[in-house]
N, C-alpha and C. Protein backbone atom coordinates (compact mmCIF):
# COMPACT_ATOMS: atom_id res chain seq x y z
N MET A 1 105.90 92.82 103.49
CA MET A 1 105.89 93.34 102.15
C MET A 1 105.77 92.18 101.17
N PHE A 2 104.98 92.36 100.13
CA PHE A 2 104.82 91.30 99.15
C PHE A 2 105.58 91.64 97.88
N SER A 3 105.82 90.63 97.08
CA SER A 3 106.50 90.86 95.81
C SER A 3 105.53 90.59 94.68
N PHE A 4 105.84 91.16 93.55
CA PHE A 4 105.01 90.95 92.38
C PHE A 4 105.57 89.77 91.60
N SER A 5 105.08 88.58 91.90
CA SER A 5 105.55 87.40 91.19
C SER A 5 105.00 87.40 89.77
N LYS A 6 105.76 86.81 88.89
CA LYS A 6 105.36 86.72 87.48
C LYS A 6 104.02 86.00 87.35
N ASP A 7 103.82 84.94 88.12
CA ASP A 7 102.58 84.17 88.05
C ASP A 7 101.38 85.00 88.48
N ALA A 8 101.53 85.78 89.54
CA ALA A 8 100.42 86.62 90.01
C ALA A 8 100.09 87.68 88.98
N ILE A 9 101.10 88.27 88.37
CA ILE A 9 100.87 89.29 87.35
C ILE A 9 100.19 88.68 86.13
N LEU A 10 100.68 87.53 85.68
CA LEU A 10 100.06 86.88 84.52
C LEU A 10 98.63 86.46 84.81
N PHE A 11 98.38 85.98 86.03
CA PHE A 11 97.02 85.62 86.40
C PHE A 11 96.12 86.86 86.38
N GLY A 12 96.62 87.99 86.89
CA GLY A 12 95.86 89.23 86.85
C GLY A 12 95.55 89.66 85.43
N VAL A 13 96.52 89.54 84.54
CA VAL A 13 96.30 89.88 83.13
C VAL A 13 95.25 88.94 82.53
N ALA A 14 95.33 87.65 82.83
CA ALA A 14 94.36 86.68 82.30
C ALA A 14 92.96 86.98 82.81
N VAL A 15 92.83 87.31 84.09
CA VAL A 15 91.52 87.66 84.66
C VAL A 15 90.96 88.87 83.93
N MET A 16 91.79 89.87 83.72
CA MET A 16 91.34 91.08 83.06
C MET A 16 90.94 90.82 81.61
N LEU A 17 91.72 90.02 80.89
CA LEU A 17 91.37 89.70 79.51
C LEU A 17 90.04 88.94 79.43
N ALA A 18 89.85 88.01 80.34
CA ALA A 18 88.58 87.27 80.37
C ALA A 18 87.42 88.22 80.66
N PHE A 19 87.64 89.15 81.56
CA PHE A 19 86.60 90.14 81.89
C PHE A 19 86.28 91.00 80.67
N LEU A 20 87.29 91.44 79.95
CA LEU A 20 87.06 92.30 78.79
C LEU A 20 86.32 91.57 77.68
N VAL A 21 86.68 90.32 77.45
CA VAL A 21 85.97 89.53 76.43
C VAL A 21 84.51 89.38 76.82
N ALA A 22 84.27 89.03 78.07
CA ALA A 22 82.88 88.88 78.53
C ALA A 22 82.13 90.21 78.43
N LEU A 23 82.79 91.27 78.80
CA LEU A 23 82.17 92.60 78.74
C LEU A 23 81.70 92.90 77.33
N HIS A 24 82.55 92.67 76.35
CA HIS A 24 82.19 93.01 74.98
C HIS A 24 81.21 92.03 74.36
N LEU A 25 81.24 90.79 74.75
CA LEU A 25 80.31 89.81 74.19
C LEU A 25 78.92 89.87 74.82
N ILE A 26 78.88 90.08 76.12
CA ILE A 26 77.61 90.02 76.84
C ILE A 26 76.96 91.39 77.00
N PHE A 27 77.77 92.40 77.32
CA PHE A 27 77.24 93.73 77.60
C PHE A 27 77.94 94.82 76.78
N PRO A 28 77.89 94.74 75.46
CA PRO A 28 78.67 95.71 74.67
C PRO A 28 78.20 97.15 74.81
N HIS A 29 76.99 97.37 75.23
CA HIS A 29 76.45 98.73 75.33
C HIS A 29 76.46 99.29 76.75
N TYR A 30 77.01 98.55 77.70
CA TYR A 30 76.97 98.97 79.10
C TYR A 30 78.33 98.87 79.79
N PRO A 31 79.41 99.33 79.17
CA PRO A 31 80.72 99.14 79.80
C PRO A 31 80.88 99.87 81.12
N LEU A 32 80.30 101.06 81.26
CA LEU A 32 80.43 101.78 82.52
C LEU A 32 79.68 101.06 83.63
N GLN A 33 78.51 100.56 83.33
CA GLN A 33 77.72 99.85 84.33
C GLN A 33 78.43 98.58 84.78
N VAL A 34 79.02 97.86 83.83
CA VAL A 34 79.74 96.63 84.18
C VAL A 34 80.98 96.97 85.01
N ALA A 35 81.71 98.01 84.60
CA ALA A 35 82.91 98.40 85.36
C ALA A 35 82.54 98.85 86.77
N ALA A 36 81.46 99.61 86.90
CA ALA A 36 81.02 100.05 88.23
C ALA A 36 80.57 98.85 89.07
N GLY A 37 79.89 97.91 88.46
CA GLY A 37 79.49 96.70 89.17
C GLY A 37 80.69 95.89 89.61
N ALA A 38 81.70 95.81 88.75
CA ALA A 38 82.93 95.11 89.11
C ALA A 38 83.62 95.82 90.27
N LEU A 39 83.63 97.14 90.25
CA LEU A 39 84.22 97.89 91.36
C LEU A 39 83.49 97.60 92.66
N MET A 40 82.17 97.50 92.61
CA MET A 40 81.41 97.17 93.82
C MET A 40 81.78 95.78 94.33
N LEU A 41 81.91 94.81 93.42
CA LEU A 41 82.29 93.46 93.83
C LEU A 41 83.71 93.42 94.39
N ILE A 42 84.62 94.14 93.73
CA ILE A 42 85.99 94.20 94.21
C ILE A 42 86.03 94.74 95.63
N GLY A 43 85.22 95.76 95.89
CA GLY A 43 85.18 96.36 97.22
C GLY A 43 84.64 95.44 98.29
N LEU A 44 83.90 94.41 97.89
CA LEU A 44 83.33 93.47 98.86
C LEU A 44 84.25 92.33 99.26
N VAL A 45 85.27 92.06 98.46
CA VAL A 45 86.11 90.89 98.70
C VAL A 45 86.70 90.89 100.10
N TYR A 46 87.36 91.96 100.48
CA TYR A 46 88.03 91.98 101.78
C TYR A 46 87.05 91.98 102.95
N PRO A 47 85.96 92.75 102.92
CA PRO A 47 85.01 92.63 104.03
C PRO A 47 84.46 91.22 104.18
N ILE A 48 84.25 90.52 103.08
CA ILE A 48 83.77 89.14 103.16
C ILE A 48 84.85 88.25 103.79
N LEU A 49 86.10 88.51 103.43
CA LEU A 49 87.20 87.73 104.01
C LEU A 49 87.35 87.95 105.51
N LEU A 50 86.85 89.06 106.01
CA LEU A 50 86.88 89.29 107.45
C LEU A 50 86.14 88.20 108.21
N LEU A 51 85.17 87.59 107.56
CA LEU A 51 84.37 86.55 108.21
C LEU A 51 85.15 85.26 108.41
N SER A 52 86.25 85.09 107.66
CA SER A 52 86.96 83.82 107.69
C SER A 52 87.97 83.68 108.83
N HIS A 53 88.39 84.79 109.42
CA HIS A 53 89.36 84.76 110.51
C HIS A 53 89.02 85.83 111.53
N GLN A 54 89.63 85.71 112.67
CA GLN A 54 89.47 86.72 113.70
C GLN A 54 90.29 87.95 113.33
N HIS A 55 89.67 89.12 113.34
CA HIS A 55 90.36 90.37 113.02
C HIS A 55 90.03 91.41 114.10
N SER A 56 90.95 92.33 114.26
CA SER A 56 90.74 93.38 115.26
C SER A 56 89.66 94.34 114.78
N ALA A 57 89.15 95.12 115.72
CA ALA A 57 88.13 96.12 115.38
C ALA A 57 88.70 97.12 114.39
N GLN A 58 89.98 97.48 114.53
CA GLN A 58 90.61 98.43 113.59
C GLN A 58 90.67 97.84 112.19
N GLN A 59 91.03 96.56 112.06
CA GLN A 59 91.08 95.91 110.75
C GLN A 59 89.69 95.89 110.12
N GLN A 60 88.68 95.61 110.93
CA GLN A 60 87.32 95.60 110.42
C GLN A 60 86.90 96.98 109.93
N ARG A 61 87.22 98.01 110.73
CA ARG A 61 86.88 99.38 110.33
C ARG A 61 87.59 99.76 109.04
N ASP A 62 88.86 99.41 108.92
CA ASP A 62 89.63 99.73 107.71
C ASP A 62 88.96 99.11 106.47
N GLU A 63 88.60 97.86 106.58
CA GLU A 63 88.02 97.17 105.42
C GLU A 63 86.63 97.71 105.07
N VAL A 64 85.84 97.97 106.08
CA VAL A 64 84.49 98.51 105.82
C VAL A 64 84.59 99.90 105.22
N LEU A 65 85.50 100.71 105.72
CA LEU A 65 85.69 102.05 105.16
C LEU A 65 86.16 101.97 103.71
N ALA A 66 87.11 101.10 103.42
CA ALA A 66 87.59 100.94 102.04
C ALA A 66 86.45 100.48 101.13
N ALA A 67 85.61 99.57 101.61
CA ALA A 67 84.48 99.10 100.81
C ALA A 67 83.48 100.23 100.57
N LEU A 68 83.22 101.04 101.58
CA LEU A 68 82.30 102.16 101.41
C LEU A 68 82.83 103.18 100.41
N VAL A 69 84.14 103.42 100.44
CA VAL A 69 84.74 104.36 99.48
C VAL A 69 84.59 103.82 98.06
N THR A 70 84.92 102.55 97.85
CA THR A 70 84.81 102.00 96.50
C THR A 70 83.36 101.96 96.04
N TYR A 71 82.44 101.59 96.93
CA TYR A 71 81.02 101.62 96.59
C TYR A 71 80.57 103.04 96.25
N GLY A 72 80.98 103.99 97.06
CA GLY A 72 80.61 105.38 96.82
C GLY A 72 81.10 105.88 95.48
N LEU A 73 82.35 105.57 95.15
CA LEU A 73 82.89 105.99 93.86
C LEU A 73 82.18 105.30 92.70
N ALA A 74 81.79 104.05 92.87
CA ALA A 74 81.03 103.35 91.82
C ALA A 74 79.68 104.03 91.60
N VAL A 75 78.99 104.36 92.66
CA VAL A 75 77.68 105.02 92.56
C VAL A 75 77.82 106.40 91.93
N VAL A 76 78.80 107.17 92.39
CA VAL A 76 79.04 108.50 91.80
C VAL A 76 79.35 108.36 90.31
N GLY A 77 80.13 107.34 89.97
CA GLY A 77 80.45 107.10 88.57
C GLY A 77 79.25 106.78 87.72
N LEU A 78 78.32 106.05 88.28
CA LEU A 78 77.10 105.71 87.53
C LEU A 78 76.12 106.88 87.43
N LEU A 79 76.00 107.65 88.48
CA LEU A 79 74.95 108.66 88.54
C LEU A 79 75.39 110.08 88.19
N VAL A 80 76.66 110.40 88.43
CA VAL A 80 77.06 111.81 88.32
C VAL A 80 78.26 112.01 87.39
N TRP A 81 79.35 111.31 87.65
CA TRP A 81 80.62 111.59 86.99
C TRP A 81 81.32 110.28 86.67
N PRO A 82 81.30 109.82 85.41
CA PRO A 82 81.87 108.52 85.05
C PRO A 82 83.34 108.33 85.44
N TRP A 83 84.10 109.42 85.53
CA TRP A 83 85.51 109.32 85.88
C TRP A 83 85.71 108.77 87.30
N ALA A 84 84.69 108.78 88.12
CA ALA A 84 84.81 108.24 89.47
C ALA A 84 85.06 106.73 89.46
N VAL A 85 84.63 106.04 88.40
CA VAL A 85 84.83 104.58 88.34
C VAL A 85 86.32 104.24 88.20
N PRO A 86 87.04 104.78 87.20
CA PRO A 86 88.46 104.44 87.16
C PRO A 86 89.24 104.99 88.36
N ILE A 87 88.79 106.10 88.91
CA ILE A 87 89.43 106.61 90.13
C ILE A 87 89.24 105.59 91.25
N GLY A 88 88.03 105.05 91.38
CA GLY A 88 87.76 104.03 92.40
C GLY A 88 88.61 102.79 92.21
N LEU A 89 88.80 102.38 90.97
CA LEU A 89 89.66 101.22 90.71
C LEU A 89 91.11 101.52 91.10
N GLY A 90 91.56 102.72 90.79
CA GLY A 90 92.91 103.12 91.17
C GLY A 90 93.07 103.21 92.68
N VAL A 91 92.07 103.76 93.34
CA VAL A 91 92.10 103.86 94.80
C VAL A 91 92.17 102.47 95.42
N HIS A 92 91.42 101.53 94.85
CA HIS A 92 91.45 100.17 95.39
C HIS A 92 92.83 99.54 95.21
N ALA A 93 93.49 99.81 94.09
CA ALA A 93 94.85 99.29 93.88
C ALA A 93 95.80 99.87 94.93
N VAL A 94 95.66 101.15 95.22
CA VAL A 94 96.49 101.79 96.25
C VAL A 94 96.20 101.16 97.61
N TRP A 95 94.92 100.92 97.91
CA TRP A 95 94.55 100.29 99.18
C TRP A 95 95.20 98.91 99.29
N ASP A 96 95.15 98.13 98.20
CA ASP A 96 95.80 96.82 98.21
C ASP A 96 97.27 96.95 98.55
N PHE A 97 97.93 97.87 97.89
CA PHE A 97 99.36 98.05 98.10
C PHE A 97 99.66 98.45 99.54
N ILE A 98 98.92 99.41 100.06
CA ILE A 98 99.15 99.90 101.43
C ILE A 98 98.86 98.81 102.45
N LYS A 99 97.68 98.22 102.36
CA LYS A 99 97.28 97.26 103.40
C LYS A 99 98.18 96.04 103.46
N HIS A 100 98.65 95.59 102.32
CA HIS A 100 99.46 94.38 102.35
C HIS A 100 100.93 94.67 102.63
N ASN A 101 101.32 95.91 102.50
CA ASN A 101 102.68 96.28 102.92
C ASN A 101 102.73 96.64 104.40
N THR A 102 101.58 96.95 104.97
CA THR A 102 101.54 97.32 106.39
C THR A 102 100.93 96.23 107.26
N GLY A 103 100.30 95.23 106.65
CA GLY A 103 99.65 94.17 107.41
C GLY A 103 98.27 94.55 107.90
N ARG A 104 97.73 95.67 107.44
CA ARG A 104 96.39 96.10 107.86
C ARG A 104 95.33 95.33 107.11
N GLY A 105 94.19 95.19 107.73
CA GLY A 105 93.03 94.60 107.07
C GLY A 105 93.03 93.09 107.02
N ALA A 106 92.11 92.57 106.23
CA ALA A 106 91.93 91.12 106.11
C ALA A 106 93.16 90.47 105.51
N LYS A 107 93.48 89.30 105.98
CA LYS A 107 94.63 88.56 105.49
C LYS A 107 94.21 87.69 104.31
N VAL A 108 95.07 87.65 103.29
CA VAL A 108 94.81 86.85 102.11
C VAL A 108 96.09 86.13 101.71
N VAL A 109 95.97 85.21 100.76
CA VAL A 109 97.15 84.52 100.27
C VAL A 109 98.08 85.52 99.58
N SER A 110 99.36 85.22 99.56
CA SER A 110 100.36 86.20 99.13
C SER A 110 100.24 86.61 97.66
N TRP A 111 99.71 85.74 96.80
CA TRP A 111 99.63 86.09 95.38
C TRP A 111 98.45 87.01 95.08
N TYR A 112 97.48 87.10 96.00
CA TYR A 112 96.27 87.86 95.70
C TYR A 112 96.49 89.37 95.55
N PRO A 113 97.22 90.03 96.46
CA PRO A 113 97.39 91.48 96.32
C PRO A 113 98.00 91.92 94.99
N PRO A 114 99.11 91.32 94.55
CA PRO A 114 99.64 91.78 93.27
C PRO A 114 98.70 91.48 92.11
N MET A 115 98.01 90.34 92.17
CA MET A 115 97.04 90.02 91.12
C MET A 115 95.94 91.06 91.11
N CYS A 116 95.44 91.41 92.28
CA CYS A 116 94.35 92.38 92.39
C CYS A 116 94.80 93.76 91.92
N ILE A 117 96.01 94.15 92.26
CA ILE A 117 96.53 95.44 91.81
C ILE A 117 96.59 95.48 90.29
N VAL A 118 97.06 94.42 89.66
CA VAL A 118 97.13 94.36 88.20
C VAL A 118 95.73 94.49 87.60
N VAL A 119 94.78 93.73 88.13
CA VAL A 119 93.40 93.80 87.62
C VAL A 119 92.83 95.20 87.81
N ASP A 120 92.98 95.77 89.00
CA ASP A 120 92.46 97.11 89.27
C ASP A 120 93.03 98.14 88.30
N LEU A 121 94.34 98.12 88.11
CA LEU A 121 94.97 99.13 87.26
C LEU A 121 94.65 98.93 85.78
N LEU A 122 94.59 97.68 85.33
CA LEU A 122 94.20 97.43 83.94
C LEU A 122 92.75 97.83 83.70
N ALA A 123 91.89 97.52 84.65
CA ALA A 123 90.47 97.91 84.51
C ALA A 123 90.34 99.43 84.49
N ALA A 124 91.08 100.11 85.36
CA ALA A 124 91.04 101.57 85.38
C ALA A 124 91.52 102.13 84.04
N ALA A 125 92.61 101.60 83.52
CA ALA A 125 93.15 102.07 82.24
C ALA A 125 92.14 101.83 81.12
N TYR A 126 91.47 100.70 81.16
CA TYR A 126 90.48 100.37 80.14
C TYR A 126 89.31 101.35 80.19
N VAL A 127 88.80 101.63 81.36
CA VAL A 127 87.68 102.57 81.49
C VAL A 127 88.12 103.97 81.07
N ILE A 128 89.33 104.35 81.42
CA ILE A 128 89.84 105.66 80.98
C ILE A 128 89.91 105.71 79.46
N ALA A 129 90.39 104.63 78.83
CA ALA A 129 90.44 104.60 77.37
C ALA A 129 89.04 104.74 76.76
N LEU A 130 88.06 104.07 77.36
CA LEU A 130 86.69 104.19 76.86
C LEU A 130 86.15 105.60 77.04
N LEU A 131 86.47 106.22 78.15
CA LEU A 131 86.03 107.61 78.39
C LEU A 131 86.69 108.57 77.40
N LEU A 132 87.97 108.40 77.16
CA LEU A 132 88.70 109.29 76.27
C LEU A 132 88.28 109.14 74.81
N THR A 133 87.86 107.94 74.43
CA THR A 133 87.46 107.70 73.03
C THR A 133 85.97 107.96 72.80
N GLY A 134 85.25 108.29 73.87
CA GLY A 134 83.84 108.58 73.73
C GLY A 134 82.92 107.37 73.74
N TRP A 135 83.47 106.19 74.01
CA TRP A 135 82.65 104.98 74.08
C TRP A 135 81.68 105.09 75.25
N ILE A 136 82.13 105.73 76.32
CA ILE A 136 81.29 105.97 77.49
C ILE A 136 80.95 107.46 77.50
């Protein structure tokens, strides 16, 4: 089980703030597309990390399945139903919490899961706010 260290949480907040500033400065008219693209990248992190160490077939299947779910939700969000993007970000946060509390999937440094959960949940909240205000 991991703990939510103050440093990991602050780093997650800083990553999210940097992302939001870049989003508004570079792509002010495409927030859903950027959020969906970020969700796709987030979904790739763990499968890529599988390449760095030996993992069981079950761990590999878990990570590939999680990546396919996040990719699928990003695509659905872009093409059919925008609410799928924040749902995908929330699902990824839940996956982080589950996998690192159970030891399933790719192994990462201890500060990464709480940082990733903070980023996922803040990004989901941001996209929800944009959807509710009509920006998206």
